[in-house]
Amino acid sequence: MTDDTATIERDLAAVEAALAGGAATHGDALTRELQELALELRADAPRPEPAFAEELRGRAEAGFPRNPGSPRG
């Protein structure tokens, strides 16, 4: 594993931890800033319309079946 790979894996794990826990708590200042950015981006993300969210949830639970007549049919 290269140093870059280790850094990327550390940063991704830190972002996942922040998103799961809702707080930026990493000991490294730059990694903590990355956690804060991830939390801010999630907070600013638009919320889908309830009907769309329900449709998407149903399709996901069904394994995203193909729609008859669609180009991917």
PDB file of N, CA and C in Angstrom:
ATOM      1  N   MET A   1       0.849  -1.171   0.000  1.00  0.00           N
ATOM      2  CA  MET A   1       0.000   0.000   0.000  1.00  0.00           C
ATOM      3  C   MET A   1       0.896   1.235   0.000  1.00  0.00           C
ATOM      4  N   THR A   2       0.583   2.192  -0.859  1.00  0.00           N
ATOM      5  CA  THR A   2       1.371   3.418  -0.912  1.00  0.00           C
ATOM      6  C   THR A   2       0.926   4.376   0.185  1.00  0.00           C
ATOM      7  N   ASP A   3       1.753   5.383   0.448  1.00  0.00           N
ATOM      8  CA  ASP A   3       1.387   6.397   1.434  1.00  0.00           C
ATOM      9  C   ASP A   3       0.105   7.109   1.025  1.00  0.00           C
ATOM     10  N   ASP A   4      -0.035   7.383  -0.294  1.00  0.00           N
ATOM     11  CA  ASP A   4      -1.248   8.049  -0.778  1.00  0.00           C
ATOM     12  C   ASP A   4      -2.478   7.191  -0.514  1.00  0.00           C
ATOM     13  N   THR A   5      -2.375   5.902  -0.766  1.00  0.00           N
ATOM     14  CA  THR A   5      -3.505   5.004  -0.546  1.00  0.00           C
ATOM     15  C   THR A   5      -3.885   4.982   0.929  1.00  0.00           C
ATOM     16  N   ALA A   6      -2.896   4.933   1.791  1.00  0.00           N
ATOM     17  CA  ALA A   6      -3.166   4.925   3.228  1.00  0.00           C
ATOM     18  C   ALA A   6      -3.848   6.220   3.659  1.00  0.00           C
ATOM     19  N   THR A   7      -3.410   7.337   3.107  1.00  0.00           N
ATOM     20  CA  THR A   7      -4.016   8.634   3.435  1.00  0.00           C
ATOM     21  C   THR A   7      -5.455   8.692   2.952  1.00  0.00           C
ATOM     22  N   ILE A   8      -5.685   8.239   1.733  1.00  0.00           N
ATOM     23  CA  ILE A   8      -7.042   8.237   1.179  1.00  0.00           C
ATOM     24  C   ILE A   8      -7.954   7.356   2.026  1.00  0.00           C
ATOM     25  N   GLU A   9      -7.489   6.177   2.380  1.00  0.00           N
ATOM     26  CA  GLU A   9      -8.302   5.273   3.191  1.00  0.00           C
ATOM     27  C   GLU A   9      -8.588   5.871   4.567  1.00  0.00           C
ATOM     28  N   ARG A  10      -7.589   6.527   5.156  1.00  0.00           N
ATOM     29  CA  ARG A  10      -7.784   7.178   6.458  1.00  0.00           C
ATOM     30  C   ARG A  10      -8.828   8.281   6.344  1.00  0.00           C
ATOM     31  N   ASP A  11      -8.710   9.099   5.295  1.00  0.00           N
ATOM     32  CA  ASP A  11      -9.637  10.218   5.120  1.00  0.00           C
ATOM     33  C   ASP A  11     -11.057   9.733   4.847  1.00  0.00           C
ATOM     34  N   LEU A  12     -11.197   8.705   4.016  1.00  0.00           N
ATOM     35  CA  LEU A  12     -12.531   8.160   3.748  1.00  0.00           C
ATOM     36  C   LEU A  12     -13.158   7.582   5.016  1.00  0.00           C
ATOM     37  N   ALA A  13     -12.359   6.892   5.801  1.00  0.00           N
ATOM     38  CA  ALA A  13     -12.868   6.342   7.061  1.00  0.00           C
ATOM     39  C   ALA A  13     -13.286   7.469   8.003  1.00  0.00           C
ATOM     40  N   ALA A  14     -12.521   8.552   8.009  1.00  0.00           N
ATOM     41  CA  ALA A  14     -12.856   9.696   8.859  1.00  0.00           C
ATOM     42  C   ALA A  14     -14.153  10.353   8.406  1.00  0.00           C
ATOM     43  N   VAL A  15     -14.340  10.497   7.097  1.00  0.00           N
ATOM     44  CA  VAL A  15     -15.575  11.080   6.567  1.00  0.00           C
ATOM     45  C   VAL A  15     -16.757  10.183   6.923  1.00  0.00           C
ATOM     46  N   GLU A  16     -16.615   8.884   6.742  1.00  0.00           N
ATOM     47  CA  GLU A  16     -17.691   7.955   7.084  1.00  0.00           C
ATOM     48  C   GLU A  16     -18.033   8.041   8.567  1.00  0.00           C
ATOM     49  N   ALA A  17     -17.003   8.159   9.415  1.00  0.00           N
ATOM     50  CA  ALA A  17     -17.237   8.263  10.857  1.00  0.00           C
ATOM     51  C   ALA A  17     -17.992   9.547  11.197  1.00  0.00           C
ATOM     52  N   ALA A  18     -17.616  10.647  10.556  1.00  0.00           N
ATOM     53  CA  ALA A  18     -18.297  11.920  10.812  1.00  0.00           C
ATOM     54  C   ALA A  18     -19.751  11.860  10.370  1.00  0.00           C
ATOM     55  N   LEU A  19     -19.992  11.292   9.195  1.00  0.00           N
ATOM     56  CA  LEU A  19     -21.361  11.200   8.695  1.00  0.00           C
ATOM     57  C   LEU A  19     -22.204  10.273   9.570  1.00  0.00           C
ATOM     58  N   ALA A  20     -21.601   9.209  10.062  1.00  0.00           N
ATOM     59  CA  ALA A  20     -22.333   8.270  10.922  1.00  0.00           C
ATOM     60  C   ALA A  20     -22.604   8.873  12.299  1.00  0.00           C
ATOM     61  N   GLY A  21     -21.613   9.606  12.830  1.00  0.00           N
ATOM     62  CA  GLY A  21     -21.744  10.151  14.177  1.00  0.00           C
ATOM     63  C   GLY A  21     -22.277  11.569  14.247  1.00  0.00           C
ATOM     64  N   GLY A  22     -22.260  12.266  13.110  1.00  0.00           N
ATOM     65  CA  GLY A  22     -22.767  13.631  13.075  1.00  0.00           C
ATOM     66  C   GLY A  22     -21.828  14.681  13.617  1.00  0.00           C
ATOM     67  N   ALA A  23     -20.540  14.330  13.789  1.00  0.00           N
ATOM     68  CA  ALA A  23     -19.585  15.303  14.322  1.00  0.00           C
ATOM     69  C   ALA A  23     -18.204  15.073  13.725  1.00  0.00           C
ATOM     70  N   ALA A  24     -17.461  16.178  13.583  1.00  0.00           N
ATOM     71  CA  ALA A  24     -16.074  16.117  13.118  1.00  0.00           C
ATOM     72  C   ALA A  24     -15.182  16.044  14.349  1.00  0.00           C
ATOM     73  N   THR A  25     -14.541  14.906  14.552  1.00  0.00           N
ATOM     74  CA  THR A  25     -13.786  14.695  15.789  1.00  0.00           C
ATOM     75  C   THR A  25     -12.363  14.209  15.574  1.00  0.00           C
ATOM     76  N   HIS A  26     -11.909  14.128  14.327  1.00  0.00           N
ATOM     77  CA  HIS A  26     -10.591  13.563  14.051  1.00  0.00           C
ATOM     78  C   HIS A  26      -9.502  14.406  14.704  1.00  0.00           C
ATOM     79  N   GLY A  27      -8.434  13.774  15.140  1.00  0.00           N
ATOM     80  CA  GLY A  27      -7.327  14.467  15.789  1.00  0.00           C
ATOM     81  C   GLY A  27      -6.489  15.321  14.859  1.00  0.00           C
ATOM     82  N   ASP A  28      -6.433  14.969  13.587  1.00  0.00           N
ATOM     83  CA  ASP A  28      -5.666  15.730  12.603  1.00  0.00           C
ATOM     84  C   ASP A  28      -6.532  16.879  12.089  1.00  0.00           C
ATOM     85  N   ALA A  29      -6.001  18.107  12.118  1.00  0.00           N
ATOM     86  CA  ALA A  29      -6.786  19.293  11.750  1.00  0.00           C
ATOM     87  C   ALA A  29      -7.289  19.240  10.311  1.00  0.00           C
ATOM     88  N   LEU A  30      -6.457  18.820   9.365  1.00  0.00           N
ATOM     89  CA  LEU A  30      -6.885  18.775   7.963  1.00  0.00           C
ATOM     90  C   LEU A  30      -7.956  17.715   7.738  1.00  0.00           C
ATOM     91  N   THR A  31      -7.806  16.593   8.393  1.00  0.00           N
ATOM     92  CA  THR A  31      -8.811  15.535   8.260  1.00  0.00           C
ATOM     93  C   THR A  31     -10.114  15.963   8.920  1.00  0.00           C
ATOM     94  N   ARG A  32     -10.013  16.681  10.037  1.00  0.00           N
ATOM     95  CA  ARG A  32     -11.212  17.197  10.697  1.00  0.00           C
ATOM     96  C   ARG A  32     -11.931  18.205   9.794  1.00  0.00           C
ATOM     97  N   GLU A  33     -11.167  19.036   9.072  1.00  0.00           N
ATOM     98  CA  GLU A  33     -11.778  19.965   8.117  1.00  0.00           C
ATOM     99  C   GLU A  33     -12.527  19.202   7.026  1.00  0.00           C
ATOM    100  N   LEU A  34     -11.951  18.098   6.575  1.00  0.00           N
ATOM    101  CA  LEU A  34     -12.621  17.267   5.575  1.00  0.00           C
ATOM    102  C   LEU A  34     -13.923  16.705   6.143  1.00  0.00           C
ATOM    103  N   GLN A  35     -13.888  16.285   7.393  1.00  0.00           N
ATOM    104  CA  GLN A  35     -15.106  15.806   8.044  1.00  0.00           C
ATOM    105  C   GLN A  35     -16.160  16.914   8.111  1.00  0.00           C
ATOM    106  N   GLU A  36     -15.723  18.118   8.480  1.00  0.00           N
ATOM    107  CA  GLU A  36     -16.649  19.249   8.565  1.00  0.00           C
ATOM    108  C   GLU A  36     -17.269  19.550   7.205  1.00  0.00           C
ATOM    109  N   LEU A  37     -16.458  19.490   6.154  1.00  0.00           N
ATOM    110  CA  LEU A  37     -16.962  19.721   4.805  1.00  0.00           C
ATOM    111  C   LEU A  37     -18.025  18.687   4.444  1.00  0.00           C
ATOM    112  N   ALA A  38     -17.760  17.428   4.743  1.00  0.00           N
ATOM    113  CA  ALA A  38     -18.730  16.373   4.439  1.00  0.00           C
ATOM    114  C   ALA A  38     -20.043  16.617   5.177  1.00  0.00           C
ATOM    115  N   LEU A  39     -19.960  17.030   6.426  1.00  0.00           N
ATOM    116  CA  LEU A  39     -21.172  17.300   7.202  1.00  0.00           C
ATOM    117  C   LEU A  39     -21.936  18.499   6.637  1.00  0.00           C
ATOM    118  N   GLU A  40     -21.219  19.537   6.220  1.00  0.00           N
ATOM    119  CA  GLU A  40     -21.866  20.715   5.632  1.00  0.00           C
ATOM    120  C   GLU A  40     -22.530  20.371   4.302  1.00  0.00           C
ATOM    121  N   LEU A  41     -21.850  19.576   3.481  1.00  0.00           N
ATOM    122  CA  LEU A  41     -22.431  19.188   2.194  1.00  0.00           C
ATOM    123  C   LEU A  41     -23.698  18.372   2.391  1.00  0.00           C
ATOM    124  N   ARG A  42     -23.677  17.469   3.351  1.00  0.00           N
ATOM    125  CA  ARG A  42     -24.878  16.673   3.609  1.00  0.00           C
ATOM    126  C   ARG A  42     -26.020  17.564   4.096  1.00  0.00           C
ATOM    127  N   ALA A  43     -25.707  18.530   4.949  1.00  0.00           N
ATOM    128  CA  ALA A  43     -26.739  19.427   5.473  1.00  0.00           C
ATOM    129  C   ALA A  43     -27.339  20.301   4.378  1.00  0.00           C
ATOM    130  N   ASP A  44     -26.523  20.657   3.381  1.00  0.00           N
ATOM    131  CA  ASP A  44     -26.983  21.525   2.292  1.00  0.00           C
ATOM    132  C   ASP A  44     -27.626  20.765   1.134  1.00  0.00           C
ATOM    133  N   ALA A  45     -27.563  19.454   1.159  1.00  0.00           N
ATOM    134  CA  ALA A  45     -28.106  18.665   0.046  1.00  0.00           C
ATOM    135  C   ALA A  45     -29.622  18.830  -0.014  1.00  0.00           C
ATOM    136  N   PRO A  46     -30.167  19.025  -1.214  1.00  0.00           N
ATOM    137  CA  PRO A  46     -31.623  19.154  -1.328  1.00  0.00           C
ATOM    138  C   PRO A  46     -32.311  17.842  -0.963  1.00  0.00           C
ATOM    139  N   ARG A  47     -33.475  17.959  -0.380  1.00  0.00           N
ATOM    140  CA  ARG A  47     -34.264  16.780  -0.022  1.00  0.00           C
ATOM    141  C   ARG A  47     -35.185  16.436  -1.192  1.00  0.00           C
ATOM    142  N   PRO A  48     -35.299  15.156  -1.530  1.00  0.00           N
ATOM    143  CA  PRO A  48     -36.193  14.785  -2.635  1.00  0.00           C
ATOM    144  C   PRO A  48     -37.656  14.943  -2.228  1.00  0.00           C
ATOM    145  N   GLU A  49     -38.491  15.105  -3.217  1.00  0.00           N
ATOM    146  CA  GLU A  49     -39.934  15.136  -2.973  1.00  0.00           C
ATOM    147  C   GLU A  49     -40.339  13.789  -2.370  1.00  0.00           C
ATOM    148  N   PRO A  50     -41.258  13.781  -1.416  1.00  0.00           N
ATOM    149  CA  PRO A  50     -41.651  12.525  -0.765  1.00  0.00           C
ATOM    150  C   PRO A  50     -42.101  11.436  -1.740  1.00  0.00           C
ATOM    151  N   ALA A  51     -42.846  11.801  -2.770  1.00  0.00           N
ATOM    152  CA  ALA A  51     -43.321  10.793  -3.728  1.00  0.00           C
ATOM    153  C   ALA A  51     -42.152  10.162  -4.478  1.00  0.00           C
ATOM    154  N   PHE A  52     -41.184  10.980  -4.877  1.00  0.00           N
ATOM    155  CA  PHE A  52     -40.015  10.453  -5.574  1.00  0.00           C
ATOM    156  C   PHE A  52     -39.205   9.553  -4.649  1.00  0.00           C
ATOM    157  N   ALA A  53     -39.016   9.984  -3.404  1.00  0.00           N
ATOM    158  CA  ALA A  53     -38.253   9.182  -2.444  1.00  0.00           C
ATOM    159  C   ALA A  53     -38.911   7.823  -2.230  1.00  0.00           C
ATOM    160  N   GLU A  54     -40.224   7.806  -2.126  1.00  0.00           N
ATOM    161  CA  GLU A  54     -40.943   6.541  -1.934  1.00  0.00           C
ATOM    162  C   GLU A  54     -40.812   5.644  -3.159  1.00  0.00           C
ATOM    163  N   GLU A  55     -40.926   6.233  -4.353  1.00  0.00           N
ATOM    164  CA  GLU A  55     -40.772   5.450  -5.586  1.00  0.00           C
ATOM    165  C   GLU A  55     -39.364   4.857  -5.669  1.00  0.00           C
ATOM    166  N   LEU A  56     -38.370   5.663  -5.369  1.00  0.00           N
ATOM    167  CA  LEU A  56     -36.986   5.195  -5.421  1.00  0.00           C
ATOM    168  C   LEU A  56     -36.743   4.092  -4.395  1.00  0.00           C
ATOM    169  N   ARG A  57     -37.299   4.268  -3.197  1.00  0.00           N
ATOM    170  CA  ARG A  57     -37.145   3.246  -2.157  1.00  0.00           C
ATOM    171  C   ARG A  57     -37.750   1.923  -2.627  1.00  0.00           C
ATOM    172  N   GLY A  58     -38.940   1.985  -3.230  1.00  0.00           N
ATOM    173  CA  GLY A  58     -39.587   0.776  -3.739  1.00  0.00           C
ATOM    174  C   GLY A  58     -38.780   0.106  -4.833  1.00  0.00           C
ATOM    175  N   ARG A  59     -38.233   0.910  -5.749  1.00  0.00           N
ATOM    176  CA  ARG A  59     -37.416   0.342  -6.824  1.00  0.00           C
ATOM    177  C   ARG A  59     -36.143  -0.293  -6.262  1.00  0.00           C
ATOM    178  N   ALA A  60     -35.538   0.349  -5.268  1.00  0.00           N
ATOM    179  CA  ALA A  60     -34.322  -0.203  -4.660  1.00  0.00           C
ATOM    180  C   ALA A  60     -34.626  -1.535  -3.974  1.00  0.00           C
ATOM    181  N   GLU A  61     -35.722  -1.576  -3.236  1.00  0.00           N
ATOM    182  CA  GLU A  61     -36.103  -2.815  -2.551  1.00  0.00           C
ATOM    183  C   GLU A  61     -36.399  -3.935  -3.535  1.00  0.00           C
ATOM    184  N   ALA A  62     -36.873  -3.576  -4.730  1.00  0.00           N
ATOM    185  CA  ALA A  62     -37.181  -4.573  -5.762  1.00  0.00           C
ATOM    186  C   ALA A  62     -35.965  -4.907  -6.626  1.00  0.00           C
ATOM    187  N   GLY A  63     -34.826  -4.315  -6.315  1.00  0.00           N
ATOM    188  CA  GLY A  63     -33.612  -4.604  -7.079  1.00  0.00           C
ATOM    189  C   GLY A  63     -33.520  -3.841  -8.388  1.00  0.00           C
ATOM    190  N   PHE A  64     -34.194  -2.697  -8.471  1.00  0.00           N
ATOM    191  CA  PHE A  64     -34.194  -1.853  -9.673  1.00  0.00           C
ATOM    192  C   PHE A  64     -34.572  -2.641 -10.927  1.00  0.00           C
ATOM    193  N   PRO A  65     -35.808  -3.163 -10.954  1.00  0.00           N
ATOM    194  CA  PRO A  65     -36.245  -3.894 -12.148  1.00  0.00           C
ATOM    195  C   PRO A  65     -36.323  -2.956 -13.353  1.00  0.00           C
ATOM    196  N   ARG A  66     -36.180  -3.535 -14.519  1.00  0.00           N
ATOM    197  CA  ARG A  66     -36.248  -2.745 -15.755  1.00  0.00           C
ATOM    198  C   ARG A  66     -37.689  -2.316 -16.004  1.00  0.00           C
ATOM    199  N   ASN A  67     -37.837  -1.140 -16.593  1.00  0.00           N
ATOM    200  CA  ASN A  67     -39.163  -0.635 -16.965  1.00  0.00           C
ATOM    201  C   ASN A  67     -39.488  -1.078 -18.380  1.00  0.00           C
ATOM    202  N   PRO A  68     -40.635  -1.726 -18.604  1.00  0.00           N
ATOM    203  CA  PRO A  68     -41.015  -2.092 -19.974  1.00  0.00           C
ATOM    204  C   PRO A  68     -41.129  -0.836 -20.839  1.00  0.00           C
ATOM    205  N   GLY A  69     -40.600  -0.904 -22.044  1.00  0.00           N
ATOM    206  CA  GLY A  69     -40.669   0.211 -22.971  1.00  0.00           C
ATOM    207  C   GLY A  69     -39.566   1.232 -22.819  1.00  0.00           C
ATOM    208  N   SER A  70     -38.739   1.105 -21.799  1.00  0.00           N
ATOM    209  CA  SER A  70     -37.637   2.053 -21.642  1.00  0.00           C
ATOM    210  C   SER A  70     -36.493   1.637 -22.566  1.00  0.00           C
ATOM    211  N   PRO A  71     -35.582   2.543 -22.885  1.00  0.00           N
ATOM    212  CA  PRO A  71     -34.463   2.187 -23.769  1.00  0.00           C
ATOM    213  C   PRO A  71     -33.662   0.986 -23.257  1.00  0.00           C
ATOM    214  N   ARG A  72     -33.605   0.827 -21.943  1.00  0.00           N
ATOM    215  CA  ARG A  72     -32.869  -0.312 -21.376  1.00  0.00           C
ATOM    216  C   ARG A  72     -33.774  -1.522 -21.209  1.00  0.00           C
ATOM    217  N   GLY A  73     -35.097  -1.318 -21.410  1.00  0.00           N
ATOM    218  CA  GLY A  73     -36.145  -2.316 -21.377  1.00  0.00           C
ATOM    219  C   GLY A  73     -35.890  -3.532 -20.673  1.00  0.00           C
TER     220      GLY A  73
END
